Amino acid sequence: METDKHIEIPPITKGLLDALNSAFPAQDFPATDSVPMLNFHYGQRSVVNFLKHHYQIQTENLINQK
């Protein structure tokens, strides 16, 4: 995931990620669902994945500090 290097993301907690995963779970859809519905879901998941990615970076930075 590429982001603007000038944007600083505030600390993200495991609790926040757990709540977002519960509120917006990854799911499979039947072929009959509309494209706008799929786009809306995948947009939500994109935000969850973005935050998850930055949580991992923040956690690694804490572990690897000298």
PDB file of N, CA and C in Angstrom:
ATOM      1  N   MET A   1       0.832  -1.181   0.000  1.00  0.00           N
ATOM      2  CA  MET A   1       0.000   0.000   0.000  1.00  0.00           C
ATOM      3  C   MET A   1       0.876   1.244   0.000  1.00  0.00           C
ATOM      4  N   GLU A   2       0.680   2.076  -0.940  1.00  0.00           N
ATOM      5  CA  GLU A   2       1.459   3.302  -1.051  1.00  0.00           C
ATOM      6  C   GLU A   2       0.627   4.463  -0.519  1.00  0.00           C
ATOM      7  N   THR A   3       1.207   5.248   0.361  1.00  0.00           N
ATOM      8  CA  THR A   3       0.524   6.423   0.885  1.00  0.00           C
ATOM      9  C   THR A   3       1.431   7.623   0.757  1.00  0.00           C
ATOM     10  N   ASP A   4       0.839   8.783   0.898  1.00  0.00           N
ATOM     11  CA  ASP A   4       1.621  10.015   0.894  1.00  0.00           C
ATOM     12  C   ASP A   4       2.544   9.993   2.101  1.00  0.00           C
ATOM     13  N   LYS A   5       3.824  10.140   1.876  1.00  0.00           N
ATOM     14  CA  LYS A   5       4.823  10.050   2.951  1.00  0.00           C
ATOM     15  C   LYS A   5       4.681  11.190   3.957  1.00  0.00           C
ATOM     16  N   HIS A   6       3.952  12.245   3.624  1.00  0.00           N
ATOM     17  CA  HIS A   6       3.826  13.406   4.491  1.00  0.00           C
ATOM     18  C   HIS A   6       2.663  13.276   5.484  1.00  0.00           C
ATOM     19  N   ILE A   7       1.839  12.275   5.320  1.00  0.00           N
ATOM     20  CA  ILE A   7       0.690  12.094   6.203  1.00  0.00           C
ATOM     21  C   ILE A   7       1.101  11.204   7.368  1.00  0.00           C
ATOM     22  N   GLU A   8       0.902  11.723   8.576  1.00  0.00           N
ATOM     23  CA  GLU A   8       1.205  10.925   9.759  1.00  0.00           C
ATOM     24  C   GLU A   8      -0.098  10.355  10.309  1.00  0.00           C
ATOM     25  N   ILE A   9      -0.134   9.046  10.449  1.00  0.00           N
ATOM     26  CA  ILE A   9      -1.319   8.364  10.954  1.00  0.00           C
ATOM     27  C   ILE A   9      -1.222   8.312  12.477  1.00  0.00           C
ATOM     28  N   PRO A  10      -2.269   8.747  13.197  1.00  0.00           N
ATOM     29  CA  PRO A  10      -2.241   8.655  14.661  1.00  0.00           C
ATOM     30  C   PRO A  10      -2.168   7.193  15.104  1.00  0.00           C
ATOM     31  N   PRO A  11      -1.774   6.946  16.341  1.00  0.00           N
ATOM     32  CA  PRO A  11      -1.697   5.559  16.824  1.00  0.00           C
ATOM     33  C   PRO A  11      -3.029   4.814  16.644  1.00  0.00           C
ATOM     34  N   ILE A  12      -2.914   3.590  16.185  1.00  0.00           N
ATOM     35  CA  ILE A  12      -4.075   2.722  15.959  1.00  0.00           C
ATOM     36  C   ILE A  12      -4.002   1.598  16.982  1.00  0.00           C
ATOM     37  N   THR A  13      -5.132   1.315  17.624  1.00  0.00           N
ATOM     38  CA  THR A  13      -5.147   0.265  18.644  1.00  0.00           C
ATOM     39  C   THR A  13      -5.706  -1.042  18.077  1.00  0.00           C
ATOM     40  N   LYS A  14      -5.328  -2.125  18.716  1.00  0.00           N
ATOM     41  CA  LYS A  14      -5.866  -3.448  18.351  1.00  0.00           C
ATOM     42  C   LYS A  14      -7.374  -3.465  18.565  1.00  0.00           C
ATOM     43  N   GLY A  15      -7.836  -2.798  19.632  1.00  0.00           N
ATOM     44  CA  GLY A  15      -9.270  -2.736  19.911  1.00  0.00           C
ATOM     45  C   GLY A  15     -10.051  -2.072  18.788  1.00  0.00           C
ATOM     46  N   LEU A  16      -9.487  -1.000  18.227  1.00  0.00           N
ATOM     47  CA  LEU A  16     -10.143  -0.327  17.104  1.00  0.00           C
ATOM     48  C   LEU A  16     -10.242  -1.269  15.910  1.00  0.00           C
ATOM     49  N   LEU A  17      -9.148  -1.954  15.593  1.00  0.00           N
ATOM     50  CA  LEU A  17      -9.166  -2.892  14.464  1.00  0.00           C
ATOM     51  C   LEU A  17     -10.165  -4.013  14.684  1.00  0.00           C
ATOM     52  N   ASP A  18     -10.217  -4.545  15.903  1.00  0.00           N
ATOM     53  CA  ASP A  18     -11.183  -5.610  16.209  1.00  0.00           C
ATOM     54  C   ASP A  18     -12.614  -5.122  16.028  1.00  0.00           C
ATOM     55  N   ALA A  19     -12.887  -3.896  16.499  1.00  0.00           N
ATOM     56  CA  ALA A  19     -14.237  -3.336  16.364  1.00  0.00           C
ATOM     57  C   ALA A  19     -14.602  -3.125  14.897  1.00  0.00           C
ATOM     58  N   LEU A  20     -13.655  -2.601  14.114  1.00  0.00           N
ATOM     59  CA  LEU A  20     -13.924  -2.388  12.696  1.00  0.00           C
ATOM     60  C   LEU A  20     -14.110  -3.704  11.946  1.00  0.00           C
ATOM     61  N   ASN A  21     -13.322  -4.714  12.292  1.00  0.00           N
ATOM     62  CA  ASN A  21     -13.502  -6.029  11.659  1.00  0.00           C
ATOM     63  C   ASN A  21     -14.849  -6.640  12.013  1.00  0.00           C
ATOM     64  N   SER A  22     -15.342  -6.380  13.218  1.00  0.00           N
ATOM     65  CA  SER A  22     -16.670  -6.874  13.609  1.00  0.00           C
ATOM     66  C   SER A  22     -17.774  -6.099  12.895  1.00  0.00           C
ATOM     67  N   ALA A  23     -17.602  -4.787  12.795  1.00  0.00           N
ATOM     68  CA  ALA A  23     -18.617  -3.948  12.169  1.00  0.00           C
ATOM     69  C   ALA A  23     -18.656  -4.120  10.650  1.00  0.00           C
ATOM     70  N   PHE A  24     -17.485  -4.327  10.046  1.00  0.00           N
ATOM     71  CA  PHE A  24     -17.379  -4.433   8.587  1.00  0.00           C
ATOM     72  C   PHE A  24     -16.614  -5.695   8.215  1.00  0.00           C
ATOM     73  N   PRO A  25     -17.194  -6.871   8.480  1.00  0.00           N
ATOM     74  CA  PRO A  25     -16.470  -8.122   8.219  1.00  0.00           C
ATOM     75  C   PRO A  25     -16.295  -8.377   6.718  1.00  0.00           C
ATOM     76  N   ALA A  26     -15.198  -9.053   6.396  1.00  0.00           N
ATOM     77  CA  ALA A  26     -15.004  -9.502   5.018  1.00  0.00           C
ATOM     78  C   ALA A  26     -16.050 -10.568   4.744  1.00  0.00           C
ATOM     79  N   GLN A  27     -16.645 -10.523   3.579  1.00  0.00           N
ATOM     80  CA  GLN A  27     -17.674 -11.508   3.266  1.00  0.00           C
ATOM     81  C   GLN A  27     -17.723 -11.788   1.777  1.00  0.00           C
ATOM     82  N   ASP A  28     -18.300 -12.919   1.447  1.00  0.00           N
ATOM     83  CA  ASP A  28     -18.519 -13.285   0.050  1.00  0.00           C
ATOM     84  C   ASP A  28     -19.944 -12.877  -0.316  1.00  0.00           C
ATOM     85  N   PHE A  29     -20.149 -12.538  -1.563  1.00  0.00           N
ATOM     86  CA  PHE A  29     -21.455 -12.100  -2.026  1.00  0.00           C
ATOM     87  C   PHE A  29     -21.953 -13.017  -3.124  1.00  0.00           C
ATOM     88  N   PRO A  30     -23.264 -13.214  -3.199  1.00  0.00           N
ATOM     89  CA  PRO A  30     -23.810 -13.992  -4.320  1.00  0.00           C
ATOM     90  C   PRO A  30     -23.698 -13.179  -5.610  1.00  0.00           C
ATOM     91  N   ALA A  31     -23.736 -13.867  -6.722  1.00  0.00           N
ATOM     92  CA  ALA A  31     -23.600 -13.214  -8.026  1.00  0.00           C
ATOM     93  C   ALA A  31     -24.744 -12.253  -8.306  1.00  0.00           C
ATOM     94  N   THR A  32     -25.816 -12.332  -7.538  1.00  0.00           N
ATOM     95  CA  THR A  32     -26.986 -11.482  -7.782  1.00  0.00           C
ATOM     96  C   THR A  32     -26.881 -10.102  -7.128  1.00  0.00           C
ATOM     97  N   ASP A  33     -25.889  -9.884  -6.267  1.00  0.00           N
ATOM     98  CA  ASP A  33     -25.749  -8.576  -5.629  1.00  0.00           C
ATOM     99  C   ASP A  33     -25.311  -7.527  -6.640  1.00  0.00           C
ATOM    100  N   SER A  34     -25.730  -6.310  -6.404  1.00  0.00           N
ATOM    101  CA  SER A  34     -25.443  -5.226  -7.345  1.00  0.00           C
ATOM    102  C   SER A  34     -23.991  -4.748  -7.224  1.00  0.00           C
ATOM    103  N   VAL A  35     -23.500  -4.181  -8.302  1.00  0.00           N
ATOM    104  CA  VAL A  35     -22.141  -3.637  -8.312  1.00  0.00           C
ATOM    105  C   VAL A  35     -21.994  -2.510  -7.296  1.00  0.00           C
ATOM    106  N   PRO A  36     -22.955  -1.576  -7.182  1.00  0.00           N
ATOM    107  CA  PRO A  36     -22.804  -0.533  -6.158  1.00  0.00           C
ATOM    108  C   PRO A  36     -22.705  -1.108  -4.737  1.00  0.00           C
ATOM    109  N   MET A  37     -23.444  -2.176  -4.458  1.00  0.00           N
ATOM    110  CA  MET A  37     -23.379  -2.802  -3.138  1.00  0.00           C
ATOM    111  C   MET A  37     -21.992  -3.406  -2.906  1.00  0.00           C
ATOM    112  N   LEU A  38     -21.455  -4.058  -3.922  1.00  0.00           N
ATOM    113  CA  LEU A  38     -20.111  -4.637  -3.823  1.00  0.00           C
ATOM    114  C   LEU A  38     -19.067  -3.538  -3.649  1.00  0.00           C
ATOM    115  N   ASN A  39     -19.185  -2.479  -4.431  1.00  0.00           N
ATOM    116  CA  ASN A  39     -18.234  -1.369  -4.328  1.00  0.00           C
ATOM    117  C   ASN A  39     -18.262  -0.748  -2.935  1.00  0.00           C
ATOM    118  N   PHE A  40     -19.453  -0.588  -2.366  1.00  0.00           N
ATOM    119  CA  PHE A  40     -19.582  -0.013  -1.031  1.00  0.00           C
ATOM    120  C   PHE A  40     -18.880  -0.898  -0.007  1.00  0.00           C
ATOM    121  N   HIS A  41     -19.127  -2.202  -0.068  1.00  0.00           N
ATOM    122  CA  HIS A  41     -18.493  -3.137   0.866  1.00  0.00           C
ATOM    123  C   HIS A  41     -16.978  -3.114   0.719  1.00  0.00           C
ATOM    124  N   TYR A  42     -16.496  -3.203  -0.502  1.00  0.00           N
ATOM    125  CA  TYR A  42     -15.045  -3.246  -0.704  1.00  0.00           C
ATOM    126  C   TYR A  42     -14.381  -1.914  -0.356  1.00  0.00           C
ATOM    127  N   GLY A  43     -15.119  -0.820  -0.453  1.00  0.00           N
ATOM    128  CA  GLY A  43     -14.612   0.462   0.017  1.00  0.00           C
ATOM    129  C   GLY A  43     -14.424   0.455   1.525  1.00  0.00           C
ATOM    130  N   GLN A  44     -15.406  -0.105   2.239  1.00  0.00           N
ATOM    131  CA  GLN A  44     -15.288  -0.224   3.700  1.00  0.00           C
ATOM    132  C   GLN A  44     -14.086  -1.090   4.058  1.00  0.00           C
ATOM    133  N   ARG A  45     -13.966  -2.213   3.393  1.00  0.00           N
ATOM    134  CA  ARG A  45     -12.853  -3.126   3.686  1.00  0.00           C
ATOM    135  C   ARG A  45     -11.511  -2.501   3.336  1.00  0.00           C
ATOM    136  N   SER A  46     -11.490  -1.657   2.325  1.00  0.00           N
ATOM    137  CA  SER A  46     -10.261  -0.982   1.955  1.00  0.00           C
ATOM    138  C   SER A  46      -9.777  -0.095   3.099  1.00  0.00           C
ATOM    139  N   VAL A  47     -10.687   0.587   3.761  1.00  0.00           N
ATOM    140  CA  VAL A  47     -10.315   1.436   4.896  1.00  0.00           C
ATOM    141  C   VAL A  47      -9.817   0.567   6.050  1.00  0.00           C
ATOM    142  N   VAL A  48     -10.504  -0.529   6.328  1.00  0.00           N
ATOM    143  CA  VAL A  48     -10.069  -1.442   7.392  1.00  0.00           C
ATOM    144  C   VAL A  48      -8.672  -1.980   7.076  1.00  0.00           C
ATOM    145  N   ASN A  49      -8.452  -2.381   5.839  1.00  0.00           N
ATOM    146  CA  ASN A  49      -7.139  -2.911   5.447  1.00  0.00           C
ATOM    147  C   ASN A  49      -6.053  -1.843   5.529  1.00  0.00           C
ATOM    148  N   PHE A  50      -6.369  -0.613   5.169  1.00  0.00           N
ATOM    149  CA  PHE A  50      -5.427   0.501   5.270  1.00  0.00           C
ATOM    150  C   PHE A  50      -5.000   0.693   6.724  1.00  0.00           C
ATOM    151  N   LEU A  51      -5.976   0.707   7.633  1.00  0.00           N
ATOM    152  CA  LEU A  51      -5.664   0.887   9.054  1.00  0.00           C
ATOM    153  C   LEU A  51      -4.896  -0.314   9.609  1.00  0.00           C
ATOM    154  N   LYS A  52      -5.256  -1.507   9.171  1.00  0.00           N
ATOM    155  CA  LYS A  52      -4.549  -2.715   9.603  1.00  0.00           C
ATOM    156  C   LYS A  52      -3.079  -2.657   9.171  1.00  0.00           C
ATOM    157  N   HIS A  53      -2.855  -2.222   7.952  1.00  0.00           N
ATOM    158  CA  HIS A  53      -1.493  -2.086   7.425  1.00  0.00           C
ATOM    159  C   HIS A  53      -0.681  -1.100   8.278  1.00  0.00           C
ATOM    160  N   HIS A  54      -1.273   0.034   8.582  1.00  0.00           N
ATOM    161  CA  HIS A  54      -0.556   1.042   9.373  1.00  0.00           C
ATOM    162  C   HIS A  54      -0.388   0.603  10.831  1.00  0.00           C
ATOM    163  N   TYR A  55      -1.313  -0.171  11.345  1.00  0.00           N
ATOM    164  CA  TYR A  55      -1.154  -0.740  12.686  1.00  0.00           C
ATOM    165  C   TYR A  55       0.073  -1.654  12.718  1.00  0.00           C
ATOM    166  N   GLN A  56       0.228  -2.476  11.688  1.00  0.00           N
ATOM    167  CA  GLN A  56       1.384  -3.370  11.610  1.00  0.00           C
ATOM    168  C   GLN A  56       2.688  -2.577  11.541  1.00  0.00           C
ATOM    169  N   ILE A  57       2.692  -1.512  10.758  1.00  0.00           N
ATOM    170  CA  ILE A  57       3.886  -0.663  10.666  1.00  0.00           C
ATOM    171  C   ILE A  57       4.193  -0.046  12.027  1.00  0.00           C
ATOM    172  N   GLN A  58       3.172   0.477  12.697  1.00  0.00           N
ATOM    173  CA  GLN A  58       3.375   1.097  14.001  1.00  0.00           C
ATOM    174  C   GLN A  58       3.874   0.085  15.016  1.00  0.00           C
ATOM    175  N   THR A  59       3.321  -1.115  14.992  1.00  0.00           N
ATOM    176  CA  THR A  59       3.726  -2.169  15.925  1.00  0.00           C
ATOM    177  C   THR A  59       5.169  -2.583  15.660  1.00  0.00           C
ATOM    178  N   GLU A  60       5.533  -2.756  14.393  1.00  0.00           N
ATOM    179  CA  GLU A  60       6.911  -3.115  14.043  1.00  0.00           C
ATOM    180  C   GLU A  60       7.879  -2.022  14.475  1.00  0.00           C
ATOM    181  N   ASN A  61       7.492  -0.774  14.313  1.00  0.00           N
ATOM    182  CA  ASN A  61       8.361   0.343  14.713  1.00  0.00           C
ATOM    183  C   ASN A  61       8.579   0.353  16.221  1.00  0.00           C
ATOM    184  N   LEU A  62       7.558   0.001  16.985  1.00  0.00           N
ATOM    185  CA  LEU A  62       7.708  -0.061  18.450  1.00  0.00           C
ATOM    186  C   LEU A  62       8.641  -1.203  18.852  1.00  0.00           C
ATOM    187  N   ILE A  63       8.489  -2.338  18.171  1.00  0.00           N
ATOM    188  CA  ILE A  63       9.302  -3.516  18.495  1.00  0.00           C
ATOM    189  C   ILE A  63      10.761  -3.293  18.099  1.00  0.00           C
ATOM    190  N   ASN A  64      10.973  -2.618  16.976  1.00  0.00           N
ATOM    191  CA  ASN A  64      12.327  -2.457  16.431  1.00  0.00           C
ATOM    192  C   ASN A  64      13.047  -1.204  16.900  1.00  0.00           C
ATOM    193  N   GLN A  65      12.443  -0.443  17.816  1.00  0.00           N
ATOM    194  CA  GLN A  65      13.119   0.750  18.319  1.00  0.00           C
ATOM    195  C   GLN A  65      14.360   0.355  19.097  1.00  0.00           C
ATOM    196  N   LYS A  66      15.391   1.167  18.992  1.00  0.00           N
ATOM    197  CA  LYS A  66      16.646   0.879  19.714  1.00  0.00           C
ATOM    198  C   LYS A  66      16.854   1.864  20.838  1.00  0.00           C
TER     199      LYS A  66
END
